[in-house]
Amino acid sequence: MSYVDLLGYAASFIILVSLTMKSIVKLRWINAVGSALFVVFAVLTRSAPTVVMNVGIILIDLYFVFSVSRKKGDYRLVKAERGSALLGFFYETNRAEIDSIFGADAFAEARSFAYFSCNGEIAGLFAWKDRSPTECLILIDFVTIRYRDTKIGRFFFESHVASFRERGYRRLLLENVGKKHWKYLERIGFTREAPGFYAKEI
């Protein structure tokens, strides 16, 4: 097998991996990298149609990424009521993933609920209860795949923590949270104090 063949296989593998990404932005970036390798492969194999197609894919991917990055979202926390049809529907629709990250008892233990809203659309679910008068124990901090790029987390937990301080909180906590959520929490400023236990002073 020549190095040209290996390059083609590598490009194909990267594009396949991009299709497994839950974040659309990550999908576009990885897909663009795979297409760039295909451009090199097509040049080496003198396949002009493949060059044209993959250059077009790269341009489309980059246009999407930059248009999304420039777009400003109107983020809000919208109160949700336990027992409401919409809350029940949202939870049941995403239950498998929510339970795998935050535990099967998180929804039942929560005392307060709110939707993460982006530009008027429900983007995720936030559920919590008081650990103490100044500590908020976050039980669910879930965002749907479409909005899973840390923008919502950075907005609420870095730039606009005033909404939490207004409730008297000075510390945000998560405990027994699944590993797939750890990297996200660290990226938005939470500190790991023990495996699965994160805290943020506000």
Protein backbone atom coordinates (compact mmCIF):
# COMPACT_ATOMS: atom_id res chain seq x y z
CA MET A 1 0.00 0.00 0.00
CA SER A 2 1.47 3.37 -1.03
CA TYR A 3 1.52 6.52 1.05
CA VAL A 4 -1.06 7.97 -1.35
CA ASP A 5 -3.47 5.14 -0.51
CA LEU A 6 -2.82 5.67 3.20
CA LEU A 7 -3.61 9.35 2.77
CA GLY A 8 -6.91 8.49 1.12
CA TYR A 9 -7.83 6.06 3.88
CA ALA A 10 -6.89 8.62 6.54
CA ALA A 11 -9.05 11.28 4.89
CA SER A 12 -11.98 8.83 4.69
CA PHE A 13 -11.56 7.86 8.35
CA ILE A 14 -11.51 11.48 9.52
CA ILE A 15 -14.67 12.28 7.58
CA LEU A 16 -16.38 9.22 9.08
CA VAL A 17 -15.31 10.34 12.57
CA SER A 18 -16.73 13.83 11.90
CA LEU A 19 -20.17 12.29 11.35
CA THR A 20 -20.14 10.90 14.90
CA MET A 21 -19.73 14.34 16.49
CA LYS A 22 -22.67 15.55 18.55
CA SER A 23 -21.58 19.16 18.19
CA ILE A 24 -22.35 20.51 14.74
CA VAL A 25 -19.42 22.92 14.98
CA LYS A 26 -17.00 20.08 15.76
CA LEU A 27 -18.49 18.06 12.92
CA ARG A 28 -17.82 20.91 10.47
CA TRP A 29 -14.23 21.48 11.65
CA ILE A 30 -13.27 17.80 11.51
CA ASN A 31 -15.07 17.34 8.22
CA ALA A 32 -13.09 20.26 6.77
CA VAL A 33 -9.82 18.64 7.88
CA GLY A 34 -10.80 15.37 6.22
CA SER A 35 -11.77 17.19 3.02
CA ALA A 36 -8.44 19.05 3.03
CA LEU A 37 -6.63 15.71 3.10
CA PHE A 38 -8.83 14.53 0.26
CA VAL A 39 -7.76 17.59 -1.75
CA VAL A 40 -4.12 16.55 -1.34
CA PHE A 41 -5.04 12.96 -2.21
CA ALA A 42 -6.93 14.10 -5.32
CA VAL A 43 -4.03 16.27 -6.48
CA LEU A 44 -1.62 13.35 -6.12
CA THR A 45 -3.97 11.05 -8.02
CA ARG A 46 -4.79 13.76 -10.59
CA SER A 47 -8.54 13.64 -9.91
CA ALA A 48 -9.75 17.16 -10.69
CA PRO A 49 -13.46 16.48 -9.89
CA THR A 50 -12.48 15.26 -6.41
CA VAL A 51 -10.41 18.40 -5.85
CA VAL A 52 -13.33 20.64 -6.86
CA MET A 53 -15.83 18.76 -4.71
CA ASN A 54 -13.70 18.77 -1.57
CA VAL A 55 -12.67 22.41 -1.92
CA GLY A 56 -16.39 23.18 -2.10
CA ILE A 57 -17.02 21.12 1.06
CA ILE A 58 -14.24 22.97 2.90
CA LEU A 59 -15.69 26.36 1.93
CA ILE A 60 -19.17 25.29 3.05
CA ASP A 61 -17.84 23.96 6.37
CA LEU A 62 -15.84 27.13 7.09
CA TYR A 63 -18.75 29.38 6.10
CA PHE A 64 -21.01 27.52 8.54
CA VAL A 65 -18.48 27.67 11.40
CA PHE A 66 -17.77 31.38 11.01
CA SER A 67 -21.43 32.31 10.56
CA VAL A 68 -22.31 30.44 13.77
CA SER A 69 -19.39 32.00 15.68
CA ARG A 70 -20.46 35.53 14.66
CA LYS A 71 -24.10 35.01 15.53
CA LYS A 72 -25.04 36.37 18.94
CA GLY A 73 -27.53 34.34 20.89
CA ASP A 74 -30.31 35.71 23.06
CA TYR A 75 -29.85 33.43 26.07
CA ARG A 76 -32.36 33.23 28.90
CA LEU A 77 -33.34 31.04 31.83
CA VAL A 78 -37.09 30.43 31.61
CA LYS A 79 -38.84 29.00 34.66
CA ALA A 80 -40.32 25.53 34.24
CA GLU A 81 -42.94 23.95 36.46
CA ARG A 82 -42.75 20.36 37.71
CA GLY A 83 -45.75 18.47 36.40
CA SER A 84 -46.10 20.57 33.26
CA ALA A 85 -46.61 18.68 30.00
CA LEU A 86 -43.68 20.44 28.31
CA LEU A 87 -41.21 19.65 31.11
CA GLY A 88 -42.31 16.03 31.19
CA PHE A 89 -42.02 15.74 27.41
CA PHE A 90 -38.55 17.31 27.32
CA TYR A 91 -37.28 15.06 30.09
CA GLU A 92 -38.70 11.86 28.62
CA THR A 93 -37.31 12.74 25.18
CA ASN A 94 -33.80 13.18 26.59
CA ARG A 95 -34.09 10.91 29.61
CA ALA A 96 -31.54 8.29 28.60
CA GLU A 97 -28.75 10.84 28.17
CA ILE A 98 -29.73 12.98 31.17
CA ASP A 99 -29.84 9.95 33.47
CA SER A 100 -26.50 8.65 32.16
CA ILE A 101 -24.76 11.94 33.00
CA PHE A 102 -26.55 13.14 36.13
CA GLY A 103 -28.05 9.97 37.57
CA ALA A 104 -31.50 8.41 37.43
CA ASP A 105 -32.61 10.23 40.60
CA ALA A 106 -31.58 13.75 39.56
CA PHE A 107 -34.91 14.76 38.04
CA ALA A 108 -36.90 13.46 41.00
CA GLU A 109 -34.64 15.15 43.56
CA ALA A 110 -34.69 18.58 41.90
CA ARG A 111 -36.78 21.28 43.55
CA SER A 112 -36.51 23.98 40.87
CA PHE A 113 -36.43 23.82 37.09
CA ALA A 114 -35.68 26.18 34.23
CA TYR A 115 -35.18 25.89 30.50
CA PHE A 116 -32.07 27.19 28.80
CA SER A 117 -33.48 29.29 25.98
CA CYS A 118 -31.55 30.47 22.91
CA ASN A 119 -33.24 32.85 20.47
CA GLY A 120 -36.66 31.76 21.66
CA GLU A 121 -36.00 28.02 21.38
CA ILE A 122 -35.61 25.55 24.24
CA ALA A 123 -31.94 24.61 24.23
CA GLY A 124 -31.66 22.60 27.43
CA LEU A 125 -32.77 21.92 30.99
CA PHE A 126 -31.40 23.27 34.25
CA ALA A 127 -32.53 21.72 37.55
CA TRP A 128 -31.28 22.37 41.07
CA LYS A 129 -31.99 22.49 44.79
CA ASP A 130 -30.55 24.35 47.76
CA ARG A 131 -27.62 22.66 49.49
CA SER A 132 -27.54 25.59 51.93
CA PRO A 133 -28.78 29.21 51.80
CA THR A 134 -25.66 30.14 49.81
CA GLU A 135 -25.00 26.90 47.91
CA CYS A 136 -26.82 25.76 44.78
CA LEU A 137 -26.60 22.03 44.06
CA ILE A 138 -27.02 21.65 40.32
CA LEU A 139 -28.71 18.34 39.56
CA ILE A 140 -29.17 18.73 35.79
CA ASP A 141 -27.25 20.99 33.44
CA PHE A 142 -28.24 19.55 30.07
CA VAL A 143 -28.07 21.12 26.62
CA THR A 144 -29.37 19.54 23.42
CA ILE A 145 -26.95 18.52 20.68
CA ARG A 146 -27.67 21.56 18.52
CA TYR A 147 -26.43 23.95 21.23
CA ARG A 148 -23.62 21.82 22.66
CA ASP A 149 -20.70 24.20 22.03
CA THR A 150 -20.23 25.63 25.59
CA LYS A 151 -21.72 29.02 24.61
CA ILE A 152 -24.72 28.59 26.90
CA GLY A 153 -22.55 27.37 29.77
CA ARG A 154 -20.11 30.25 29.40
CA PHE A 155 -22.98 32.74 29.25
CA PHE A 156 -24.69 31.61 32.45
CA PHE A 157 -21.76 30.38 34.52
CA GLU A 158 -19.10 32.94 33.53
CA SER A 159 -20.64 36.14 32.15
CA HIS A 160 -24.03 36.29 33.86
CA VAL A 161 -23.69 34.75 37.29
CA ALA A 162 -25.67 37.69 38.67
CA SER A 163 -28.86 35.70 38.13
CA PHE A 164 -27.55 33.15 40.65
CA ARG A 165 -26.29 35.77 43.12
CA GLU A 166 -29.74 37.37 43.10
CA ARG A 167 -31.05 34.12 44.56
CA GLY A 168 -28.47 34.39 47.35
CA TYR A 169 -26.07 31.78 45.98
CA ARG A 170 -22.32 32.21 46.33
CA ARG A 171 -21.28 28.70 45.33
CA LEU A 172 -22.45 26.33 42.58
CA LEU A 173 -21.98 22.58 43.09
CA LEU A 174 -22.36 19.37 41.13
CA GLU A 175 -21.83 15.91 42.58
CA ASN A 176 -21.74 12.39 41.16
CA VAL A 177 -21.73 13.77 37.63
CA GLY A 178 -20.73 11.42 34.79
CA LYS A 179 -17.26 11.56 33.22
CA LYS A 180 -18.55 12.74 29.84
CA HIS A 181 -19.54 16.04 31.53
CA TRP A 182 -16.23 16.69 33.35
CA LYS A 183 -14.32 18.34 30.51
CA TYR A 184 -17.23 20.71 29.82
CA LEU A 185 -17.42 21.79 33.46
CA GLU A 186 -13.69 22.49 33.58
CA ARG A 187 -13.94 24.56 30.39
CA ILE A 188 -16.58 26.83 31.91
CA GLY A 189 -14.71 27.46 35.15
CA PHE A 190 -15.73 24.72 37.57
CA THR A 191 -13.03 23.14 39.74
CA ARG A 192 -12.93 19.39 40.38
CA GLU A 193 -12.66 18.87 44.13
CA ALA A 194 -13.14 15.09 43.90
CA PRO A 195 -14.03 12.62 41.15
CA GLY A 196 -17.47 13.66 39.94
CA PHE A 197 -17.67 16.59 42.38
CA TYR A 198 -17.30 20.11 40.95
CA ALA A 199 -17.63 23.57 42.48
CA LYS A 200 -17.54 27.17 41.33
CA GLU A 201 -17.35 30.26 43.51
CA ILE A 202 -19.51 33.11 42.27
